[in-house]
Protein backbone atom coordinates (compact mmCIF):
# COMPACT_ATOMS: atom_id res chain seq x y z
CA UNK A 1 192.65 93.71 -58.83
CA UNK A 2 191.92 93.28 -62.70
CA UNK A 3 188.71 92.38 -64.47
CA UNK A 4 189.62 89.42 -67.38
CA UNK A 5 187.94 87.43 -69.37
CA UNK A 6 188.13 83.40 -68.97
CA UNK A 7 186.44 80.63 -70.09
CA UNK A 8 185.47 77.94 -67.40
CA UNK A 9 182.80 74.86 -66.88
CA UNK A 10 180.59 75.46 -64.23
CA UNK A 11 178.10 72.53 -62.99
CA UNK A 12 174.37 74.46 -62.40
CA UNK A 13 172.23 72.74 -59.59
CA UNK A 14 169.98 71.48 -62.46
CA UNK A 15 173.01 69.86 -64.25
CA UNK A 16 174.00 68.08 -60.87
CA UNK A 17 170.32 66.65 -60.17
CA UNK A 18 170.60 65.23 -63.96
CA UNK A 19 173.79 63.50 -63.50
CA UNK A 20 172.37 62.10 -60.25
CA UNK A 21 169.02 61.04 -61.14
CA UNK A 22 170.98 59.24 -64.24
CA UNK A 23 173.33 57.09 -61.79
CA UNK A 24 170.50 56.49 -59.42
CA UNK A 25 169.32 52.64 -59.46
CA UNK A 26 165.43 52.01 -60.71
CA UNK A 27 164.16 51.30 -56.32
CA UNK A 28 166.19 54.54 -55.41
CA UNK A 29 165.36 56.82 -58.58
CA UNK A 30 161.35 55.54 -57.40
CA UNK A 31 162.04 56.77 -53.80
CA UNK A 32 163.35 60.22 -55.03
CA UNK A 33 159.90 60.33 -57.23
CA UNK A 34 158.24 59.67 -53.93
CA UNK A 35 159.97 62.36 -51.88
CA UNK A 36 159.24 64.85 -54.80
CA UNK A 37 155.58 64.19 -54.81
CA UNK A 38 155.75 64.86 -50.71
CA UNK A 39 157.61 67.76 -50.97
CA UNK A 40 155.75 69.51 -54.57
CA UNK A 41 152.43 70.59 -54.70
CA UNK A 42 152.14 70.67 -58.44
CA UNK A 43 153.58 66.68 -59.08
CA UNK A 44 151.45 64.41 -59.57
CA UNK A 45 151.45 60.57 -60.33
CA UNK A 46 148.47 59.24 -62.41
CA UNK A 47 147.63 55.90 -61.68
CA UNK A 48 146.69 54.63 -65.20
CA UNK A 49 149.38 53.78 -67.95
CA UNK A 50 148.59 57.57 -69.96
CA UNK A 51 149.50 60.61 -69.14
CA UNK A 52 147.02 63.24 -68.87
CA UNK A 53 147.41 66.36 -70.93
CA UNK A 54 145.38 68.71 -68.24
CA UNK A 55 143.41 68.36 -65.81
CA UNK A 56 141.30 71.75 -65.59
CA UNK A 57 139.70 71.41 -62.07
CA UNK A 58 140.77 68.60 -59.50
CA UNK A 59 137.69 68.93 -57.17
CA UNK A 60 135.35 68.61 -60.21
CA UNK A 61 137.70 65.93 -61.29
CA UNK A 62 137.08 63.84 -58.30
CA UNK A 63 133.33 64.19 -58.37
CA UNK A 64 133.15 62.91 -61.90
CA UNK A 65 134.82 60.15 -61.11
CA UNK A 66 132.95 58.82 -58.22
CA UNK A 67 131.17 56.06 -58.32
CA UNK A 68 127.39 55.32 -58.12
CA UNK A 69 127.36 54.66 -54.69
CA UNK A 70 129.59 57.81 -53.79
CA UNK A 71 126.80 60.19 -55.13
CA UNK A 72 124.45 61.97 -52.83
CA UNK A 73 121.48 60.42 -52.59
CA UNK A 74 118.71 61.67 -54.21
CA UNK A 75 115.14 60.25 -53.84
CA UNK A 76 113.17 60.31 -57.21
CA UNK A 77 109.40 61.41 -56.92
CA UNK A 78 108.20 60.40 -60.43
CA UNK A 79 109.29 56.39 -60.13
CA UNK A 80 108.62 53.33 -57.86
CA UNK A 81 111.72 54.08 -55.75
CA UNK A 82 113.84 50.64 -56.50
CA UNK A 83 116.99 51.98 -57.43
CA UNK A 84 117.48 54.26 -54.15
CA UNK A 85 116.16 51.19 -52.07
CA UNK A 86 119.01 49.24 -53.53
CA UNK A 87 121.49 51.63 -53.20
CA UNK A 88 120.67 52.13 -49.35
CA UNK A 89 120.70 48.07 -49.37
CA UNK A 90 124.12 48.59 -50.37
CA UNK A 91 124.98 51.10 -47.98
CA UNK A 92 123.27 48.76 -44.92
CA UNK A 93 125.73 46.35 -45.98
CA UNK A 94 128.86 48.18 -45.87
CA UNK A 95 128.10 49.66 -42.45
CA UNK A 96 127.70 46.03 -41.28
CA UNK A 97 131.11 45.18 -42.54
CA UNK A 98 132.75 48.08 -40.67
CA UNK A 99 132.16 46.07 -37.01
CA UNK A 100 129.78 48.62 -35.58
CA UNK A 101 128.81 47.85 -32.08
CA UNK A 102 124.93 47.61 -31.28
CA UNK A 103 125.30 49.55 -28.18
CA UNK A 104 125.67 52.89 -30.10
CA UNK A 105 129.45 52.94 -29.38
CA UNK A 106 131.27 52.24 -32.51
CA UNK A 107 134.89 50.77 -33.02
CA UNK A 108 137.29 52.71 -34.92
CA UNK A 109 137.28 52.48 -38.46
CA UNK A 110 139.21 53.33 -41.38
CA UNK A 111 138.28 56.86 -42.92
CA UNK A 112 138.36 55.90 -46.34
CA UNK A 113 137.81 58.81 -49.00
CA UNK A 114 137.80 57.00 -52.13
CA UNK A 115 141.78 57.55 -52.42
CA UNK A 116 144.50 55.03 -51.43
CA UNK A 117 146.73 55.93 -48.90
CA UNK A 118 150.11 55.09 -50.86
CA UNK A 119 152.42 55.61 -47.36
CA UNK A 120 149.62 52.58 -45.26
CA UNK A 121 150.09 50.37 -48.53
CA UNK A 122 153.66 50.73 -48.37
CA UNK A 123 153.56 49.96 -44.84
CA UNK A 124 151.10 46.92 -45.23
CA UNK A 125 153.10 45.78 -48.14
CA UNK A 126 156.42 46.11 -45.97
CA UNK A 127 157.60 42.63 -45.38
CA UNK A 128 158.13 42.04 -41.48
CA UNK A 129 161.77 41.85 -39.46
CA UNK A 130 162.80 38.42 -39.37
CA UNK A 131 163.72 37.23 -36.00
CA UNK A 132 167.42 37.61 -35.11
CA UNK A 133 169.59 35.29 -34.01
CA UNK A 134 169.87 36.52 -30.31
CA UNK A 135 166.35 36.79 -30.28
CA UNK A 136 166.05 33.39 -31.32
CA UNK A 137 167.83 31.91 -28.39
CA UNK A 138 166.92 33.91 -25.83
CA UNK A 139 163.56 32.52 -26.17
CA UNK A 140 164.62 28.84 -25.98
CA UNK A 141 166.86 29.62 -22.75
CA UNK A 142 163.64 30.78 -21.00
CA UNK A 143 162.82 27.43 -20.73
CA UNK A 144 166.08 26.06 -19.51
CA UNK A 145 166.20 24.61 -16.29
CA UNK A 146 168.94 26.55 -14.17
CA UNK A 147 169.77 28.51 -11.55
CA UNK A 148 169.95 32.44 -11.05
CA UNK A 149 173.11 33.02 -11.84
CA UNK A 150 173.75 30.94 -14.42
CA UNK A 151 170.74 31.91 -16.21
CA UNK A 152 172.50 35.34 -15.96
CA UNK A 153 175.33 34.21 -17.81
CA UNK A 154 173.94 32.33 -20.59
CA UNK A 155 172.04 35.64 -21.83
CA UNK A 156 175.09 37.09 -21.51
CA UNK A 157 176.95 34.65 -23.42
CA UNK A 158 173.93 34.52 -25.94
CA UNK A 159 174.88 38.43 -26.71
CA UNK A 160 178.06 37.68 -27.86
CA UNK A 161 177.72 34.92 -30.20
CA UNK A 162 177.99 36.44 -33.50
CA UNK A 163 176.09 36.02 -36.79
CA UNK A 164 177.46 32.60 -37.80
CA UNK A 165 176.70 30.79 -34.35
CA UNK A 166 180.27 30.68 -32.88
CA UNK A 167 180.98 32.61 -29.50
CA UNK A 168 184.82 33.32 -29.96
CA UNK A 169 185.45 36.01 -27.06
CA UNK A 170 187.08 34.93 -23.42
CA UNK A 171 184.97 34.36 -20.36
CA UNK A 172 186.88 36.99 -19.03
CA UNK A 173 186.02 39.43 -21.65
CA UNK A 174 182.08 38.28 -21.23
CA UNK A 175 182.38 39.43 -17.17
CA UNK A 176 184.68 42.62 -18.37
CA UNK A 177 181.44 43.56 -20.17
CA UNK A 178 178.76 42.33 -18.17
CA UNK A 179 176.39 44.79 -16.02
CA UNK A 180 176.19 42.03 -13.40
CA UNK A 181 178.89 39.90 -11.56
CA UNK A 182 179.25 36.72 -12.88
CA UNK A 183 181.65 33.77 -12.09
CA UNK A 184 183.83 31.60 -14.53
CA UNK A 185 181.83 28.28 -13.02
CA UNK A 186 178.80 29.61 -14.16
CA UNK A 187 179.99 31.12 -17.39
CA UNK A 188 181.16 27.45 -18.02
CA UNK A 189 178.08 25.81 -17.23
CA UNK A 190 176.18 28.55 -18.90
CA UNK A 191 178.23 27.93 -22.35
CA UNK A 192 177.63 23.95 -21.95
CA UNK A 193 173.06 24.59 -21.72
CA UNK A 194 173.63 27.07 -24.14
CA UNK A 195 175.35 24.56 -26.91
CA UNK A 196 172.31 22.18 -26.51
CA UNK A 197 169.99 24.80 -28.11
CA UNK A 198 168.89 24.98 -31.58
CA UNK A 199 170.40 24.92 -34.51
CA UNK A 200 172.57 22.22 -32.74
CA UNK A 201 176.67 23.34 -33.06
CA UNK A 202 175.30 26.90 -31.79
CA UNK A 203 177.42 28.21 -29.43
CA UNK A 204 180.99 26.74 -30.29
CA UNK A 205 184.35 28.11 -29.96
CA UNK A 206 185.90 26.84 -33.63
CA UNK A 207 184.89 24.81 -36.29
CA UNK A 208 185.73 21.28 -34.73
CA UNK A 209 183.62 21.63 -31.60
CA UNK A 210 180.83 23.07 -34.22
CA UNK A 211 181.05 19.78 -36.13
CA UNK A 212 181.25 17.31 -32.86
CA UNK A 213 178.26 19.07 -31.23
CA UNK A 214 176.13 18.48 -34.29
CA UNK A 215 177.55 14.92 -34.30
CA UNK A 216 176.22 14.59 -31.29
CA UNK A 217 172.94 16.14 -31.71
CA UNK A 218 172.27 13.47 -35.19
CA UNK A 219 173.63 11.09 -32.17
CA UNK A 220 171.15 11.25 -29.81
CA UNK A 221 168.16 11.64 -32.21
CA UNK A 222 167.27 8.01 -32.97
CA UNK A 223 165.48 8.99 -36.34
CA UNK A 224 168.64 10.57 -37.75
CA UNK A 225 171.30 8.36 -36.35
CA UNK A 226 170.32 5.79 -38.67
CA UNK A 227 173.88 4.99 -41.08
CA UNK A 228 175.95 6.84 -39.34
CA UNK A 229 179.45 5.37 -38.22
CA UNK A 230 179.82 7.94 -35.29
CA UNK A 231 183.15 6.47 -34.16
CA UNK A 232 184.65 7.27 -37.85
CA UNK A 233 183.36 10.53 -38.05
CA UNK A 234 184.24 11.16 -34.98
CA UNK A 235 187.86 10.25 -35.69
CA UNK A 236 187.80 12.57 -39.17
CA UNK A 237 186.84 15.75 -37.34
CA UNK A 238 188.81 15.36 -34.02
CA UNK A 239 192.15 14.18 -35.78
CA UNK A 240 192.14 14.69 -39.61
CA UNK A 241 190.18 17.65 -40.30
CA UNK A 242 193.07 19.63 -41.96
CA UNK A 243 194.03 16.19 -43.78
CA UNK A 244 190.45 16.24 -45.40
CA UNK A 245 191.14 20.05 -46.24
CA UNK A 246 193.99 19.11 -47.87
CA UNK A 247 192.36 15.85 -49.63
CA UNK A 248 194.78 13.37 -47.79
CA UNK A 249 192.44 10.19 -48.18
CA UNK A 250 195.18 8.02 -48.67
CA UNK A 251 196.57 9.27 -45.83
CA UNK A 252 193.67 9.20 -43.69
CA UNK A 253 192.88 5.80 -44.70
CA UNK A 254 196.65 4.42 -43.89
CA UNK A 255 196.29 5.69 -40.03
CA UNK A 256 192.88 5.03 -39.63
CA UNK A 257 193.03 1.44 -41.06
CA UNK A 258 189.96 1.99 -42.91
CA UNK A 259 189.29 0.98 -46.35
CA UNK A 260 188.48 4.12 -48.75
CA UNK A 261 184.90 3.77 -49.50
CA UNK A 262 184.07 3.84 -46.01
CA UNK A 263 185.97 6.74 -45.74
CA UNK A 264 184.42 8.53 -48.82
CA UNK A 265 180.92 7.73 -47.30
CA UNK A 266 181.59 9.02 -43.99
CA UNK A 267 182.97 12.77 -45.63
CA UNK A 268 179.41 12.20 -47.65
CA UNK A 269 177.47 12.46 -44.29
CA UNK A 270 179.10 14.94 -42.88
CA UNK A 271 179.25 17.05 -45.43
CA UNK A 272 175.54 17.43 -44.41
CA UNK A 273 176.93 19.47 -41.37
CA UNK A 274 176.68 23.13 -41.36
CA UNK A 275 179.62 24.79 -40.52
CA UNK A 276 177.84 28.08 -39.94
CA UNK A 277 174.73 27.03 -37.95
CA UNK A 278 174.01 30.76 -36.81
CA UNK A 279 173.10 31.58 -40.91
CA UNK A 280 170.35 29.79 -40.61
CA UNK A 281 168.18 32.32 -38.14
CA UNK A 282 167.74 35.84 -39.06
CA UNK A 283 170.50 37.74 -41.12
CA UNK A 284 170.05 40.47 -43.51
CA UNK A 285 167.59 39.75 -46.93
CA UNK A 286 169.83 39.99 -49.77
CA UNK A 287 168.24 43.05 -51.50
CA UNK A 288 166.31 42.36 -54.44
CA UNK A 289 167.23 43.22 -58.11
CA UNK A 290 164.32 44.85 -60.47
CA UNK A 291 165.74 45.24 -63.79
CA UNK A 292 165.76 48.50 -65.60
CA UNK A 293 165.22 46.87 -68.97
CA UNK A 294 164.07 43.77 -70.56
CA UNK A 295 166.06 42.11 -73.58
CA UNK A 296 164.00 39.92 -76.17
CA UNK A 297 164.28 38.06 -79.24
CA UNK A 298 162.45 39.30 -81.99
CA UNK A 299 162.35 36.25 -84.19
CA UNK A 300 160.88 38.23 -87.32
CA UNK A 301 163.85 41.07 -87.60
CA UNK A 302 166.21 38.55 -86.08
CA UNK A 303 166.86 41.30 -84.00
CA UNK A 304 167.21 41.63 -79.99
CA UNK A 305 164.76 44.40 -78.95
CA UNK A 306 164.61 46.88 -75.67
CA UNK A 307 162.06 47.42 -73.62
CA UNK A 308 162.46 49.32 -70.17
CA UNK A 309 160.60 48.36 -67.18
CA UNK A 310 158.56 49.45 -64.57
CA UNK A 311 159.08 53.30 -66.22
CA UNK A 312 157.81 56.24 -63.58
CA UNK A 313 158.13 58.86 -66.45
CA UNK A 314 154.77 58.72 -68.20
CA UNK A 315 152.93 58.75 -64.87
CA UNK A 316 154.48 62.24 -63.90
CA UNK A 317 152.42 65.49 -64.74
CA UNK A 318 152.03 68.61 -63.61
CA UNK A 319 148.33 69.44 -61.96
CA UNK A 320 146.06 71.45 -64.59
CA UNK A 321 144.72 72.76 -61.50
CA UNK A 322 148.02 74.69 -60.45
CA UNK A 323 148.60 75.49 -63.65
CA UNK A 324 145.62 77.12 -64.47
CA UNK A 325 146.14 79.21 -60.83
CA UNK A 326 149.46 80.32 -62.00
CA UNK A 327 147.75 81.43 -65.39
CA UNK A 328 145.06 83.70 -63.42
CA UNK A 329 146.26 87.25 -62.67
CA UNK A 330 144.13 87.41 -60.23
CA UNK A 331 145.94 85.24 -57.80
CA UNK A 332 148.41 86.87 -55.20
CA UNK A 333 152.10 87.39 -56.33
CA UNK A 334 153.87 85.12 -53.92
CA UNK A 335 151.51 82.30 -54.61
CA UNK A 336 152.50 82.48 -58.38
CA UNK A 337 155.57 83.07 -57.49
CA UNK A 338 155.72 79.79 -55.28
CA UNK A 339 153.57 77.75 -58.27
CA UNK A 340 156.37 78.95 -61.24
CA UNK A 341 158.72 77.69 -58.85
CA UNK A 342 157.47 74.52 -57.93
CA UNK A 343 156.18 74.07 -61.84
CA UNK A 344 159.82 74.72 -63.01
CA UNK A 345 161.38 71.84 -60.75
CA UNK A 346 158.66 69.82 -61.81
CA UNK A 347 159.13 70.19 -65.21
CA UNK A 348 163.28 69.66 -64.56
CA UNK A 349 162.68 66.53 -62.82
CA UNK A 350 160.01 64.91 -65.71
CA UNK A 351 162.91 65.79 -68.30
CA UNK A 352 165.63 64.87 -66.13
CA UNK A 353 163.49 61.59 -65.60
CA UNK A 354 163.04 61.55 -69.49
CA UNK A 355 166.83 62.10 -70.51
CA UNK A 356 167.84 58.82 -68.14
CA UNK A 357 165.74 56.74 -70.00
CA UNK A 358 166.90 57.78 -73.26
CA UNK A 359 170.58 57.63 -72.53
CA UNK A 360 170.06 54.08 -70.86
CA UNK A 361 168.20 52.97 -73.53
CA UNK A 362 170.65 54.22 -76.16
CA UNK A 363 173.63 52.60 -74.00
CA UNK A 364 172.01 49.48 -73.84
CA UNK A 365 171.26 49.11 -77.76
CA UNK A 366 174.96 49.79 -78.45
CA UNK A 367 175.72 46.96 -76.13
CA UNK A 368 173.17 44.96 -77.21
CA UNK A 369 174.80 45.32 -80.67
CA UNK A 370 177.96 44.82 -79.61
CA UNK A 371 177.31 41.68 -77.55
CA UNK A 372 175.46 39.79 -80.15
CA UNK A 373 177.35 36.69 -79.61
CA UNK A 374 176.85 36.60 -76.09
CA UNK A 375 172.96 36.54 -76.32
CA UNK A 376 173.17 34.31 -79.36
CA UNK A 377 175.92 31.30 -77.82
CA UNK A 378 176.65 31.99 -74.44
CA UNK A 379 179.22 33.81 -71.98
CA UNK A 380 182.32 32.45 -73.40
CA UNK A 381 181.73 34.37 -76.75
CA UNK A 382 181.37 38.11 -74.69
CA UNK A 383 184.08 40.79 -76.35
CA UNK A 384 186.18 43.29 -74.92
CA UNK A 385 184.01 46.64 -74.73
CA UNK A 386 185.39 49.60 -73.31
CA UNK A 387 182.90 52.68 -72.19
CA UNK A 388 185.25 54.97 -74.05
CA UNK A 389 184.40 53.31 -77.55
CA UNK A 390 180.30 53.47 -76.72
CA UNK A 391 180.85 57.15 -75.56
CA UNK A 392 182.53 57.70 -78.85
CA UNK A 393 180.06 56.26 -80.75
CA UNK A 394 176.71 57.77 -78.91
CA UNK A 395 178.68 61.16 -78.83
CA UNK A 396 178.51 61.81 -75.21
CA UNK A 397 180.86 61.38 -72.23
CA UNK A 398 183.03 58.41 -70.89
CA UNK A 399 181.56 59.47 -67.53
CA UNK A 400 177.88 59.46 -68.57
CA UNK A 401 178.31 56.10 -70.06
CA UNK A 402 179.86 55.27 -66.78
CA UNK A 403 176.81 56.92 -64.49
CA UNK A 404 174.14 55.04 -67.01
CA UNK A 405 175.26 51.60 -66.22
CA UNK A 406 176.23 52.07 -62.75
CA UNK A 407 174.08 49.74 -60.62
CA UNK A 408 171.51 49.12 -63.70
CA UNK A 409 170.53 45.25 -64.23
CA UNK A 410 169.38 43.86 -67.50
CA UNK A 411 166.81 40.87 -67.81
CA UNK A 412 168.34 38.79 -71.09
CA UNK A 413 166.77 35.24 -72.33
CA UNK A 414 170.20 34.17 -70.36
CA UNK A 415 169.51 35.60 -66.88
CA UNK A 416 169.73 38.67 -65.18
CA UNK A 417 173.02 40.52 -65.40
CA UNK A 418 174.44 43.51 -64.33
CA UNK A 419 174.92 46.21 -67.42
CA UNK A 420 178.36 46.83 -66.34
CA UNK A 421 179.38 43.46 -66.61
CA UNK A 422 179.14 44.00 -70.88
CA UNK A 423 182.12 46.47 -69.97
CA UNK A 424 185.68 44.93 -69.27
CA UNK A 425 188.96 45.08 -71.38
CA UNK A 426 190.15 41.65 -72.79
CA UNK A 427 192.95 39.55 -74.59
CA UNK A 428 193.35 38.15 -78.85
CA UNK A 429 193.11 34.81 -79.16
CA UNK A 430 195.94 33.04 -82.07
CA UNK A 431 193.29 33.80 -84.89
CA UNK A 432 193.11 37.31 -84.00
CA UNK A 433 189.60 36.71 -81.95
CA UNK A 434 189.02 39.73 -79.50
CA UNK A 435 187.84 37.94 -76.04
CA UNK A 436 186.96 39.59 -72.67
CA UNK A 437 188.88 38.52 -69.52
CA UNK A 438 185.02 37.13 -68.76
CA UNK A 439 185.10 35.06 -71.79
CA UNK A 440 188.78 33.75 -70.57
CA UNK A 441 187.09 32.86 -67.17
CA UNK A 442 184.71 30.82 -68.60
CA UNK A 443 186.91 28.63 -70.72
CA UNK A 444 189.02 27.95 -68.11
CA UNK A 445 186.16 26.70 -65.95
CA UNK A 446 184.79 24.68 -68.69
CA UNK A 447 188.30 23.18 -68.99
CA UNK A 448 188.16 22.01 -65.35
CA UNK A 449 184.37 20.84 -65.44
CA UNK A 450 185.53 18.80 -68.35
CA UNK A 451 188.93 17.37 -66.43
CA UNK A 452 189.43 13.68 -65.48
CA UNK A 453 188.90 14.15 -61.58
CA UNK A 454 191.19 11.13 -61.04
CA UNK A 455 193.99 13.20 -62.47
CA UNK A 456 193.39 16.67 -62.51
CA UNK A 457 194.76 19.62 -64.50
CA UNK A 458 197.16 22.06 -62.41
CA UNK A 459 197.83 25.44 -63.56
CA UNK A 460 200.57 24.37 -65.88
CA UNK A 461 198.37 21.90 -67.66
CA UNK A 462 195.29 24.45 -67.73
CA UNK A 463 197.86 27.13 -69.56
CA UNK A 464 198.82 24.78 -72.03
CA UNK A 465 194.84 23.47 -72.91
CA UNK A 466 194.08 27.39 -73.18
CA UNK A 467 196.95 27.68 -75.51
CA UNK A 468 195.41 24.98 -77.73
CA UNK A 469 192.54 27.26 -78.23
CA UNK A 470 194.73 29.95 -78.97
CA UNK A 471 194.58 32.06 -75.74
CA UNK A 472 197.88 32.68 -74.28
CA UNK A 473 198.30 33.21 -70.06
CA UNK A 474 200.69 33.26 -68.19
CA UNK A 475 200.63 30.72 -65.00
CA UNK A 476 200.10 33.52 -62.34
CA UNK A 477 197.01 34.97 -64.56
CA UNK A 478 195.52 31.21 -64.73
CA UNK A 479 195.79 30.62 -60.58
CA UNK A 480 194.34 34.31 -59.78
CA UNK A 481 191.27 33.43 -61.90
CA UNK A 482 191.21 30.15 -60.73
CA UNK A 483 190.84 31.78 -57.76
CA UNK A 484 188.37 34.46 -58.47
CA UNK A 485 185.89 31.02 -59.55
CA UNK A 486 186.58 29.53 -56.17
CA UNK A 487 187.90 26.44 -57.90
CA UNK A 488 190.27 24.55 -55.65
CA UNK A 489 193.89 23.40 -56.35
CA UNK A 490 194.79 20.37 -58.20
CA UNK A 491 195.53 17.87 -55.21
CA UNK A 492 192.20 18.93 -53.57
CA UNK A 493 190.10 18.81 -56.81
CA UNK A 494 191.33 14.94 -57.04
CA UNK A 495 188.96 12.27 -56.53
CA UNK A 496 189.99 8.94 -55.16
């Protein structure tokens, strides 16, 4: 063992916290701030927009902020008492609205002390949990008339129906996993009855059965059966489902002996059926997106400006009362150490949030300046923008840029986009123009949208069309981009 000097990079807990706050999306940042407000007594959040510079005494501040109705009742001896009686009238009206009973007992009322309970507000503003598919089906199943063993079998089958509305398990598996004894005949009868529940098509074992169940429900409904050719539609589902997928209309027309127009009309009616009926009930709600910044165009300066949205940092401050206690030498030593530690944590949190705002703003400004043509002309003009280029321009590490754009969204005149979308590689056109891969995909999509639908372009034709625009891509690259964009093959896109 010997002493030696060496250089090393050590990340302190403060630096790690700063990087974590930079990477947090806006909603997660608000949750983090709420957690710090609960754990750190010296950290406070002002309700207004301006940051208070100093609050000397919180108790005095509350007294000063009381409304006229909340002040102590002092009857003036040298007055007519009109103001005092008005206050008493308001107080009596308030008590009458609190639902007091007349027999001396009173109902439970809220202990409102002039301040809103943030946790209670959050609970009240949270949407109630939606009904699940199983709960929806069990509610209907309770009214189905059947024998007790069939009812138990139906409940077991409903628990095996997946989120898409399909029953993909074997009856033997249901018997094996059930806590009550079940039989195959009871399960078969229960499955038949479950398939009559709403939404129609529920409990099917495959796509063909699902579509047939919905078609039967339409046929039994006089209001919905008008205009349907059920014999033709049932034949298309049972015998030619694969042919429809591969767009083989001439072969189907020849086999069924029906004209092309009738086939197209029948397929159009079948397109209204739902391949996944279970998704109509329950399911997970899509996560909400809150933009971190708003990009707007300033016509006077011909420039896109940036406005950070819902920034919580200006409303955070360190309580003036606790800062006054910290400076008071008469306080207990342990109390002062506790306050000093919490003040340091609060100050570091506020500085980290300010640093996050500054870094994200600088990154967005670099993106807006580099992608001006995208905002002016559209997605086809998106340029390649490596993160290393922005990092060198701002004088920060590329990992900082990556954290700054992670899970961040911006609202632009052309819609809401993830900030990471503007960072991508690209290619160079024949004229030497830099184009991102997303711009190439947009050009590919535009070529397919403008093609002759009765004679669609195959991948080789699309390669030739892109080459005419100065973009050289291999055929397999075109096929890959077409699949990413969920665009079918030329055979499947053809219209008859």
